Amino acid sequence: MTPPDPITYRFERADCWRLGRVIYRPSLVARLRRLLSMAVFLLIGLALGSGGWPTARMWAAFVRTPELVAIAAAALVLSQFSHYVGIVVLWARFRSLAIADKTVTLVFDDDALRADVEGTSSIVPWKNFISRIDTQDGVFLKIGRWEAVTIPRRAFADDASWRAALAFLREKVPHGEA
């Protein structure tokens, strides 16, 4: 497949937000595991607080205590949305990123992705990317757990060039995540 033309874009605060969502977002399995763990910890806390496994009467008292129900519900909800803390921190620290508000040029070759950020160049062979995450706004090529290359859709001239680039990226980094 023919590599797409090089693209140039400015890494903006909105790109940082999208990148954070991709990097910090747990998988469905991880979210279910976190929910189950939190439920188990709450049950253990309830058992320890009541001196043993709660009886039916204790469960009824627990359900009628709005403060305890609110604490349990808040803990379960927070277990599902705690990854947003990392996203907000990354977004708030945007100015400290080396790439913040800088012009990025990406060149797609058959063997590697070449990047230039205002004079600082790097080359990443396609085999070094561990996953590809497609979103409506772009594609993120993960290099490690906390690092990814942002390829925003807005950097392409038109929809046809975007689709061609997406097909090329899917061929080079086929192991994507939803």
N, C-alpha and C. Protein backbone atom coordinates (compact mmCIF):
# COMPACT_ATOMS: atom_id res chain seq x y z
N MET A 1 0.84 -1.18 0.00
CA MET A 1 0.00 0.00 0.00
C MET A 1 0.89 1.25 0.00
N THR A 2 0.48 2.26 -0.69
CA THR A 2 1.24 3.50 -0.81
C THR A 2 1.10 4.33 0.47
N PRO A 3 2.23 4.77 1.01
CA PRO A 3 2.14 5.61 2.23
C PRO A 3 1.44 6.93 1.93
N PRO A 4 0.70 7.44 2.90
CA PRO A 4 0.05 8.74 2.71
C PRO A 4 1.07 9.88 2.68
N ASP A 5 0.64 11.00 2.18
CA ASP A 5 1.49 12.19 2.16
C ASP A 5 1.80 12.62 3.60
N PRO A 6 2.93 13.30 3.79
CA PRO A 6 3.24 13.82 5.13
C PRO A 6 2.16 14.79 5.61
N ILE A 7 2.00 14.86 6.91
CA ILE A 7 1.03 15.79 7.49
C ILE A 7 1.75 16.71 8.48
N THR A 8 1.17 17.87 8.68
CA THR A 8 1.68 18.82 9.65
C THR A 8 0.50 19.37 10.45
N TYR A 9 0.68 19.43 11.76
CA TYR A 9 -0.36 19.98 12.62
C TYR A 9 0.28 20.57 13.87
N ARG A 10 -0.48 21.32 14.60
CA ARG A 10 -0.03 21.90 15.87
C ARG A 10 -0.66 21.08 17.00
N PHE A 11 0.18 20.62 17.94
CA PHE A 11 -0.31 19.84 19.07
C PHE A 11 -0.97 20.78 20.06
N GLU A 12 -2.28 20.74 20.14
CA GLU A 12 -3.06 21.67 20.95
C GLU A 12 -3.53 21.03 22.25
N ARG A 13 -4.09 21.86 23.10
CA ARG A 13 -4.61 21.38 24.39
C ARG A 13 -5.69 20.31 24.18
N ALA A 14 -6.51 20.45 23.15
CA ALA A 14 -7.55 19.44 22.87
C ALA A 14 -6.91 18.10 22.50
N ASP A 15 -5.78 18.14 21.80
CA ASP A 15 -5.06 16.89 21.49
C ASP A 15 -4.56 16.23 22.76
N CYS A 16 -4.13 17.06 23.71
CA CYS A 16 -3.66 16.54 25.00
C CYS A 16 -4.79 15.83 25.73
N TRP A 17 -5.99 16.43 25.71
CA TRP A 17 -7.15 15.82 26.35
C TRP A 17 -7.46 14.47 25.70
N ARG A 18 -7.48 14.44 24.37
CA ARG A 18 -7.77 13.18 23.66
C ARG A 18 -6.70 12.13 23.95
N LEU A 19 -5.46 12.55 23.97
CA LEU A 19 -4.36 11.63 24.27
C LEU A 19 -4.51 11.06 25.68
N GLY A 20 -4.85 11.91 26.63
CA GLY A 20 -5.06 11.44 28.00
C GLY A 20 -6.18 10.43 28.08
N ARG A 21 -7.27 10.66 27.36
CA ARG A 21 -8.39 9.71 27.36
C ARG A 21 -7.95 8.36 26.82
N VAL A 22 -7.09 8.37 25.82
CA VAL A 22 -6.62 7.11 25.22
C VAL A 22 -5.63 6.41 26.14
N ILE A 23 -4.72 7.16 26.73
CA ILE A 23 -3.68 6.55 27.56
C ILE A 23 -4.23 6.04 28.88
N TYR A 24 -5.08 6.81 29.52
CA TYR A 24 -5.54 6.46 30.87
C TYR A 24 -6.81 5.64 30.91
N ARG A 25 -7.51 5.52 29.80
CA ARG A 25 -8.79 4.79 29.79
C ARG A 25 -8.55 3.30 30.03
N PRO A 26 -9.14 2.75 31.08
CA PRO A 26 -8.98 1.31 31.32
C PRO A 26 -9.87 0.51 30.38
N SER A 27 -9.48 -0.70 30.13
CA SER A 27 -10.29 -1.59 29.29
C SER A 27 -11.56 -1.98 30.04
N LEU A 28 -12.50 -2.56 29.32
CA LEU A 28 -13.74 -3.00 29.95
C LEU A 28 -13.45 -4.04 31.03
N VAL A 29 -12.54 -4.94 30.76
CA VAL A 29 -12.18 -5.97 31.74
C VAL A 29 -11.59 -5.32 33.00
N ALA A 30 -10.72 -4.33 32.80
CA ALA A 30 -10.11 -3.64 33.95
C ALA A 30 -11.17 -2.89 34.76
N ARG A 31 -12.13 -2.27 34.06
CA ARG A 31 -13.19 -1.56 34.78
C ARG A 31 -14.07 -2.52 35.57
N LEU A 32 -14.40 -3.67 34.99
CA LEU A 32 -15.20 -4.66 35.70
C LEU A 32 -14.43 -5.23 36.90
N ARG A 33 -13.14 -5.46 36.71
CA ARG A 33 -12.30 -5.96 37.80
C ARG A 33 -12.25 -4.92 38.94
N ARG A 34 -12.12 -3.65 38.58
CA ARG A 34 -12.09 -2.58 39.58
C ARG A 34 -13.42 -2.49 40.32
N LEU A 35 -14.53 -2.63 39.60
CA LEU A 35 -15.86 -2.58 40.22
C LEU A 35 -16.04 -3.75 41.18
N LEU A 36 -15.64 -4.93 40.76
CA LEU A 36 -15.75 -6.11 41.62
C LEU A 36 -14.87 -5.97 42.86
N SER A 37 -13.65 -5.48 42.67
CA SER A 37 -12.74 -5.28 43.81
C SER A 37 -13.32 -4.30 44.81
N MET A 38 -13.87 -3.20 44.31
CA MET A 38 -14.44 -2.20 45.21
C MET A 38 -15.63 -2.78 45.96
N ALA A 39 -16.47 -3.56 45.29
CA ALA A 39 -17.62 -4.18 45.95
C ALA A 39 -17.15 -5.15 47.04
N VAL A 40 -16.12 -5.93 46.75
CA VAL A 40 -15.57 -6.86 47.75
C VAL A 40 -15.02 -6.10 48.94
N PHE A 41 -14.25 -5.02 48.69
CA PHE A 41 -13.71 -4.22 49.79
C PHE A 41 -14.81 -3.60 50.64
N LEU A 42 -15.87 -3.13 49.99
CA LEU A 42 -16.99 -2.58 50.75
C LEU A 42 -17.64 -3.64 51.62
N LEU A 43 -17.82 -4.84 51.07
CA LEU A 43 -18.41 -5.93 51.85
C LEU A 43 -17.52 -6.34 53.02
N ILE A 44 -16.20 -6.39 52.77
CA ILE A 44 -15.27 -6.72 53.85
C ILE A 44 -15.31 -5.63 54.93
N GLY A 45 -15.35 -4.37 54.51
CA GLY A 45 -15.44 -3.27 55.47
C GLY A 45 -16.72 -3.35 56.28
N LEU A 46 -17.81 -3.68 55.63
CA LEU A 46 -19.09 -3.82 56.33
C LEU A 46 -19.03 -4.98 57.32
N ALA A 47 -18.42 -6.09 56.90
CA ALA A 47 -18.30 -7.25 57.79
C ALA A 47 -17.42 -6.93 58.99
N LEU A 48 -16.31 -6.25 58.75
CA LEU A 48 -15.41 -5.89 59.86
C LEU A 48 -16.07 -4.89 60.80
N GLY A 49 -16.81 -3.95 60.21
CA GLY A 49 -17.48 -2.93 61.03
C GLY A 49 -18.61 -3.47 61.86
N SER A 50 -19.22 -4.55 61.40
CA SER A 50 -20.36 -5.10 62.16
C SER A 50 -19.96 -6.32 62.99
N GLY A 51 -18.69 -6.68 62.97
CA GLY A 51 -18.21 -7.78 63.80
C GLY A 51 -18.46 -9.15 63.21
N GLY A 52 -18.71 -9.25 61.97
CA GLY A 52 -18.96 -10.53 61.30
C GLY A 52 -19.83 -10.31 60.08
N TRP A 53 -20.19 -11.38 59.42
CA TRP A 53 -21.02 -11.22 58.23
C TRP A 53 -22.39 -10.69 58.66
N PRO A 54 -22.85 -9.60 58.01
CA PRO A 54 -24.12 -8.99 58.43
C PRO A 54 -25.30 -9.95 58.31
N THR A 55 -26.17 -9.85 59.29
CA THR A 55 -27.42 -10.61 59.25
C THR A 55 -28.42 -9.87 58.38
N ALA A 56 -29.55 -10.47 58.14
CA ALA A 56 -30.59 -9.82 57.33
C ALA A 56 -31.03 -8.51 57.98
N ARG A 57 -31.11 -8.50 59.29
CA ARG A 57 -31.51 -7.28 60.01
C ARG A 57 -30.46 -6.18 59.81
N MET A 58 -29.17 -6.55 59.83
CA MET A 58 -28.11 -5.56 59.62
C MET A 58 -28.13 -5.01 58.20
N TRP A 59 -28.39 -5.91 57.22
CA TRP A 59 -28.49 -5.45 55.82
C TRP A 59 -29.64 -4.45 55.68
N ALA A 60 -30.75 -4.74 56.32
CA ALA A 60 -31.90 -3.83 56.25
C ALA A 60 -31.55 -2.48 56.87
N ALA A 61 -30.82 -2.51 57.99
CA ALA A 61 -30.41 -1.26 58.63
C ALA A 61 -29.44 -0.49 57.74
N PHE A 62 -28.55 -1.23 57.10
CA PHE A 62 -27.59 -0.60 56.19
C PHE A 62 -28.30 0.10 55.04
N VAL A 63 -29.26 -0.56 54.44
CA VAL A 63 -29.98 0.02 53.30
C VAL A 63 -30.80 1.23 53.72
N ARG A 64 -31.24 1.27 54.98
CA ARG A 64 -32.02 2.41 55.47
C ARG A 64 -31.15 3.57 55.94
N THR A 65 -29.82 3.41 55.92
CA THR A 65 -28.92 4.48 56.36
C THR A 65 -28.39 5.21 55.12
N PRO A 66 -28.93 6.38 54.82
CA PRO A 66 -28.56 7.06 53.58
C PRO A 66 -27.08 7.41 53.48
N GLU A 67 -26.45 7.70 54.61
CA GLU A 67 -25.03 8.05 54.57
C GLU A 67 -24.18 6.86 54.10
N LEU A 68 -24.47 5.68 54.64
CA LEU A 68 -23.72 4.50 54.26
C LEU A 68 -23.98 4.11 52.81
N VAL A 69 -25.22 4.21 52.38
CA VAL A 69 -25.56 3.91 50.98
C VAL A 69 -24.86 4.90 50.06
N ALA A 70 -24.83 6.17 50.45
CA ALA A 70 -24.16 7.20 49.63
C ALA A 70 -22.66 6.95 49.54
N ILE A 71 -22.05 6.56 50.66
CA ILE A 71 -20.62 6.26 50.66
C ILE A 71 -20.33 5.06 49.75
N ALA A 72 -21.13 4.01 49.86
CA ALA A 72 -20.95 2.82 49.03
C ALA A 72 -21.14 3.17 47.55
N ALA A 73 -22.19 3.91 47.25
CA ALA A 73 -22.45 4.29 45.85
C ALA A 73 -21.33 5.17 45.31
N ALA A 74 -20.86 6.12 46.12
CA ALA A 74 -19.77 7.00 45.69
C ALA A 74 -18.50 6.20 45.43
N ALA A 75 -18.21 5.24 46.30
CA ALA A 75 -17.01 4.41 46.10
C ALA A 75 -17.11 3.61 44.81
N LEU A 76 -18.28 3.05 44.54
CA LEU A 76 -18.45 2.26 43.31
C LEU A 76 -18.35 3.16 42.07
N VAL A 77 -18.95 4.33 42.12
CA VAL A 77 -18.87 5.26 40.98
C VAL A 77 -17.44 5.74 40.77
N LEU A 78 -16.77 6.13 41.86
CA LEU A 78 -15.39 6.60 41.74
C LEU A 78 -14.47 5.52 41.20
N SER A 79 -14.75 4.27 41.53
CA SER A 79 -13.91 3.19 41.00
C SER A 79 -13.99 3.11 39.49
N GLN A 80 -15.09 3.56 38.93
CA GLN A 80 -15.27 3.50 37.48
C GLN A 80 -14.75 4.73 36.75
N PHE A 81 -14.63 5.85 37.45
CA PHE A 81 -14.25 7.09 36.79
C PHE A 81 -12.96 7.71 37.34
N SER A 82 -12.22 6.97 38.12
CA SER A 82 -11.00 7.51 38.71
C SER A 82 -9.93 7.80 37.66
N HIS A 83 -10.00 7.16 36.50
CA HIS A 83 -9.00 7.41 35.46
C HIS A 83 -9.06 8.85 34.94
N TYR A 84 -10.19 9.52 35.16
CA TYR A 84 -10.29 10.92 34.72
C TYR A 84 -9.35 11.83 35.51
N VAL A 85 -8.93 11.42 36.69
CA VAL A 85 -7.97 12.21 37.45
C VAL A 85 -6.67 12.34 36.66
N GLY A 86 -6.19 11.24 36.11
CA GLY A 86 -4.97 11.27 35.29
C GLY A 86 -5.14 12.13 34.06
N ILE A 87 -6.31 12.06 33.45
CA ILE A 87 -6.57 12.86 32.25
C ILE A 87 -6.55 14.34 32.58
N VAL A 88 -7.21 14.71 33.67
CA VAL A 88 -7.27 16.12 34.08
C VAL A 88 -5.88 16.63 34.46
N VAL A 89 -5.09 15.81 35.15
CA VAL A 89 -3.74 16.22 35.53
C VAL A 89 -2.88 16.43 34.27
N LEU A 90 -2.96 15.51 33.32
CA LEU A 90 -2.21 15.66 32.08
C LEU A 90 -2.64 16.93 31.35
N TRP A 91 -3.93 17.15 31.25
CA TRP A 91 -4.45 18.33 30.58
C TRP A 91 -4.00 19.62 31.28
N ALA A 92 -4.03 19.60 32.62
CA ALA A 92 -3.62 20.78 33.38
C ALA A 92 -2.12 21.05 33.24
N ARG A 93 -1.34 20.02 33.03
CA ARG A 93 0.11 20.17 32.88
C ARG A 93 0.52 20.32 31.41
N PHE A 94 -0.42 20.65 30.56
CA PHE A 94 -0.17 20.75 29.12
C PHE A 94 1.07 21.57 28.79
N ARG A 95 1.23 22.72 29.42
CA ARG A 95 2.36 23.61 29.13
C ARG A 95 3.70 22.97 29.44
N SER A 96 3.74 21.98 30.32
CA SER A 96 5.00 21.35 30.67
C SER A 96 5.42 20.27 29.66
N LEU A 97 4.52 19.92 28.74
CA LEU A 97 4.85 18.91 27.74
C LEU A 97 5.80 19.49 26.69
N ALA A 98 6.78 18.72 26.28
CA ALA A 98 7.74 19.18 25.28
C ALA A 98 7.08 19.48 23.94
N ILE A 99 5.96 18.88 23.68
CA ILE A 99 5.28 19.02 22.39
C ILE A 99 4.17 20.08 22.41
N ALA A 100 3.90 20.67 23.55
CA ALA A 100 2.78 21.61 23.72
C ALA A 100 2.88 22.79 22.76
N ASP A 101 1.82 23.00 22.02
CA ASP A 101 1.70 24.12 21.07
C ASP A 101 2.83 24.17 20.04
N LYS A 102 3.39 23.03 19.72
CA LYS A 102 4.46 22.98 18.72
C LYS A 102 3.94 22.34 17.44
N THR A 103 4.63 22.66 16.34
CA THR A 103 4.27 22.12 15.04
C THR A 103 4.88 20.73 14.89
N VAL A 104 4.04 19.77 14.54
CA VAL A 104 4.45 18.38 14.38
C VAL A 104 4.32 18.01 12.90
N THR A 105 5.35 17.40 12.35
CA THR A 105 5.29 16.88 10.99
C THR A 105 5.51 15.38 11.06
N LEU A 106 4.60 14.64 10.46
CA LEU A 106 4.71 13.18 10.43
C LEU A 106 4.86 12.73 8.98
N VAL A 107 5.85 11.88 8.77
CA VAL A 107 6.10 11.31 7.44
C VAL A 107 5.91 9.81 7.56
N PHE A 108 5.02 9.28 6.73
CA PHE A 108 4.70 7.86 6.75
C PHE A 108 5.55 7.15 5.70
N ASP A 109 6.43 6.25 6.14
CA ASP A 109 7.24 5.46 5.21
C ASP A 109 6.81 4.00 5.32
N ASP A 110 7.31 3.21 4.41
CA ASP A 110 6.99 1.78 4.44
C ASP A 110 7.54 1.09 5.67
N ASP A 111 8.69 1.55 6.16
CA ASP A 111 9.34 0.87 7.27
C ASP A 111 9.17 1.55 8.63
N ALA A 112 8.81 2.84 8.64
CA ALA A 112 8.75 3.55 9.91
C ALA A 112 7.91 4.82 9.80
N LEU A 113 7.59 5.34 10.96
CA LEU A 113 6.94 6.65 11.07
C LEU A 113 8.03 7.63 11.48
N ARG A 114 8.18 8.68 10.71
CA ARG A 114 9.18 9.71 11.00
C ARG A 114 8.46 10.95 11.50
N ALA A 115 8.95 11.46 12.61
CA ALA A 115 8.32 12.63 13.23
C ALA A 115 9.34 13.74 13.41
N ASP A 116 8.87 14.97 13.24
CA ASP A 116 9.70 16.14 13.50
C ASP A 116 8.85 17.13 14.29
N VAL A 117 9.37 17.51 15.45
CA VAL A 117 8.69 18.50 16.28
C VAL A 117 9.62 19.70 16.38
N GLU A 118 9.41 20.64 15.48
CA GLU A 118 10.19 21.87 15.43
C GLU A 118 11.68 21.62 15.58
N GLY A 119 12.21 20.77 14.71
CA GLY A 119 13.65 20.52 14.68
C GLY A 119 14.13 19.29 15.42
N THR A 120 13.31 18.72 16.25
CA THR A 120 13.67 17.49 16.96
C THR A 120 13.03 16.32 16.22
N SER A 121 13.87 15.46 15.66
CA SER A 121 13.37 14.36 14.83
C SER A 121 13.47 13.02 15.54
N SER A 122 12.57 12.14 15.17
CA SER A 122 12.62 10.77 15.66
C SER A 122 12.05 9.84 14.60
N ILE A 123 12.49 8.60 14.66
CA ILE A 123 12.04 7.57 13.73
C ILE A 123 11.60 6.38 14.57
N VAL A 124 10.36 5.93 14.33
CA VAL A 124 9.83 4.78 15.07
C VAL A 124 9.42 3.72 14.06
N PRO A 125 10.11 2.58 14.04
CA PRO A 125 9.70 1.50 13.13
C PRO A 125 8.28 1.03 13.49
N TRP A 126 7.55 0.61 12.48
CA TRP A 126 6.16 0.20 12.69
C TRP A 126 6.06 -0.93 13.71
N LYS A 127 7.05 -1.82 13.74
CA LYS A 127 6.98 -2.96 14.67
C LYS A 127 7.09 -2.54 16.13
N ASN A 128 7.54 -1.30 16.40
CA ASN A 128 7.66 -0.82 17.78
C ASN A 128 6.35 -0.35 18.38
N PHE A 129 5.33 -0.16 17.57
CA PHE A 129 4.04 0.27 18.10
C PHE A 129 3.31 -0.95 18.66
N ILE A 130 2.79 -0.82 19.88
CA ILE A 130 2.14 -1.95 20.52
C ILE A 130 0.64 -2.03 20.23
N SER A 131 0.04 -0.90 19.87
CA SER A 131 -1.38 -0.92 19.52
C SER A 131 -1.76 0.35 18.77
N ARG A 132 -2.88 0.26 18.12
CA ARG A 132 -3.45 1.39 17.39
C ARG A 132 -4.84 1.61 17.94
N ILE A 133 -5.15 2.85 18.29
CA ILE A 133 -6.48 3.15 18.81
C ILE A 133 -7.12 4.17 17.89
N ASP A 134 -8.20 3.76 17.25
CA ASP A 134 -8.93 4.62 16.32
C ASP A 134 -10.05 5.34 17.07
N THR A 135 -10.15 6.65 16.86
CA THR A 135 -11.25 7.43 17.41
C THR A 135 -11.84 8.27 16.29
N GLN A 136 -12.91 8.97 16.56
CA GLN A 136 -13.50 9.84 15.55
C GLN A 136 -12.58 11.00 15.21
N ASP A 137 -11.77 11.43 16.17
CA ASP A 137 -10.91 12.59 15.99
C ASP A 137 -9.54 12.27 15.43
N GLY A 138 -9.17 11.01 15.41
CA GLY A 138 -7.84 10.66 14.93
C GLY A 138 -7.45 9.24 15.29
N VAL A 139 -6.16 8.99 15.15
CA VAL A 139 -5.59 7.68 15.48
C VAL A 139 -4.46 7.91 16.46
N PHE A 140 -4.34 7.01 17.41
CA PHE A 140 -3.26 7.07 18.38
C PHE A 140 -2.47 5.78 18.27
N LEU A 141 -1.18 5.91 18.04
CA LEU A 141 -0.30 4.74 17.94
C LEU A 141 0.49 4.65 19.23
N LYS A 142 0.18 3.64 20.03
CA LYS A 142 0.83 3.49 21.33
C LYS A 142 2.19 2.84 21.18
N ILE A 143 3.17 3.49 21.82
CA ILE A 143 4.53 2.97 21.84
C ILE A 143 4.77 2.22 23.14
N GLY A 144 4.15 2.67 24.20
CA GLY A 144 4.27 2.06 25.51
C GLY A 144 2.99 2.33 26.28
N ARG A 145 2.98 1.94 27.53
CA ARG A 145 1.78 2.12 28.36
C ARG A 145 1.38 3.59 28.48
N TRP A 146 2.36 4.48 28.58
CA TRP A 146 2.08 5.89 28.83
C TRP A 146 2.51 6.80 27.68
N GLU A 147 2.73 6.25 26.50
CA GLU A 147 3.22 7.05 25.39
C GLU A 147 2.52 6.66 24.10
N ALA A 148 2.12 7.67 23.33
CA ALA A 148 1.45 7.41 22.06
C ALA A 148 1.72 8.58 21.10
N VAL A 149 1.68 8.26 19.82
CA VAL A 149 1.79 9.28 18.77
C VAL A 149 0.37 9.65 18.35
N THR A 150 0.11 10.95 18.33
CA THR A 150 -1.21 11.46 17.95
C THR A 150 -1.22 11.77 16.47
N ILE A 151 -2.21 11.21 15.76
CA ILE A 151 -2.40 11.51 14.34
C ILE A 151 -3.82 12.04 14.20
N PRO A 152 -3.99 13.37 14.28
CA PRO A 152 -5.34 13.94 14.25
C PRO A 152 -5.94 13.93 12.85
N ARG A 153 -7.21 13.70 12.80
CA ARG A 153 -7.94 13.68 11.53
C ARG A 153 -7.88 15.04 10.84
N ARG A 154 -7.88 16.10 11.62
CA ARG A 154 -7.89 17.45 11.05
C ARG A 154 -6.63 17.77 10.25
N ALA A 155 -5.55 16.99 10.41
CA ALA A 155 -4.30 17.25 9.70
C ALA A 155 -4.36 16.83 8.22
N PHE A 156 -5.39 16.12 7.85
CA PHE A 156 -5.50 15.64 6.47
C PHE A 156 -6.35 16.59 5.65
N ALA A 157 -5.98 16.72 4.39
CA ALA A 157 -6.62 17.70 3.50
C ALA A 157 -8.10 17.43 3.28
N ASP A 158 -8.45 16.16 3.16
CA ASP A 158 -9.85 15.82 2.90
C ASP A 158 -10.16 14.44 3.45
N ASP A 159 -11.40 14.04 3.33
CA ASP A 159 -11.86 12.76 3.87
C ASP A 159 -11.21 11.57 3.15
N ALA A 160 -10.99 11.71 1.84
CA ALA A 160 -10.37 10.62 1.07
C ALA A 160 -8.94 10.37 1.54
N SER A 161 -8.18 11.42 1.77
CA SER A 161 -6.80 11.22 2.24
C SER A 161 -6.78 10.67 3.67
N TRP A 162 -7.76 11.05 4.48
CA TRP A 162 -7.88 10.50 5.83
C TRP A 162 -8.15 9.00 5.77
N ARG A 163 -9.10 8.59 4.92
CA ARG A 163 -9.43 7.15 4.80
C ARG A 163 -8.24 6.36 4.28
N ALA A 164 -7.50 6.92 3.32
CA ALA A 164 -6.32 6.24 2.79
C ALA A 164 -5.25 6.08 3.88
N ALA A 165 -5.05 7.12 4.66
CA ALA A 165 -4.07 7.05 5.75
C ALA A 165 -4.50 6.03 6.80
N LEU A 166 -5.79 6.01 7.10
CA LEU A 166 -6.31 5.06 8.08
C LEU A 166 -6.10 3.61 7.61
N ALA A 167 -6.34 3.37 6.33
CA ALA A 167 -6.12 2.03 5.78
C ALA A 167 -4.64 1.65 5.87
N PHE A 168 -3.77 2.60 5.56
CA PHE A 168 -2.33 2.37 5.65
C PHE A 168 -1.92 2.05 7.09
N LEU A 169 -2.42 2.83 8.04
CA LEU A 169 -2.08 2.61 9.45
C LEU A 169 -2.62 1.28 9.97
N ARG A 170 -3.79 0.91 9.50
CA ARG A 170 -4.36 -0.39 9.92
C ARG A 170 -3.53 -1.54 9.38
N GLU A 171 -2.92 -1.35 8.23
CA GLU A 171 -2.05 -2.39 7.67
C GLU A 171 -0.73 -2.46 8.44
N LYS A 172 -0.18 -1.31 8.81
CA LYS A 172 1.11 -1.27 9.49
C LYS A 172 1.03 -1.61 10.98
N VAL A 173 -0.04 -1.20 11.62
CA VAL A 173 -0.25 -1.47 13.05
C VAL A 173 -1.62 -2.11 13.20
N PRO A 174 -1.73 -3.40 12.85
CA PRO A 174 -3.06 -4.03 12.79
C PRO A 174 -3.70 -4.31 14.14
N HIS A 175 -2.93 -4.35 15.18
CA HIS A 175 -3.48 -4.69 16.48
C HIS A 175 -4.01 -3.45 17.17
N GLY A 176 -5.27 -3.16 16.88
CA GLY A 176 -5.89 -1.96 17.43
C GLY A 176 -6.75 -2.27 18.63
N GLU A 177 -7.12 -1.22 19.34
CA GLU A 177 -8.04 -1.30 20.47
C GLU A 177 -9.22 -0.41 20.17
N ALA A 178 -10.37 -0.76 20.70
CA ALA A 178 -11.56 0.08 20.50
C ALA A 178 -11.54 1.26 21.40
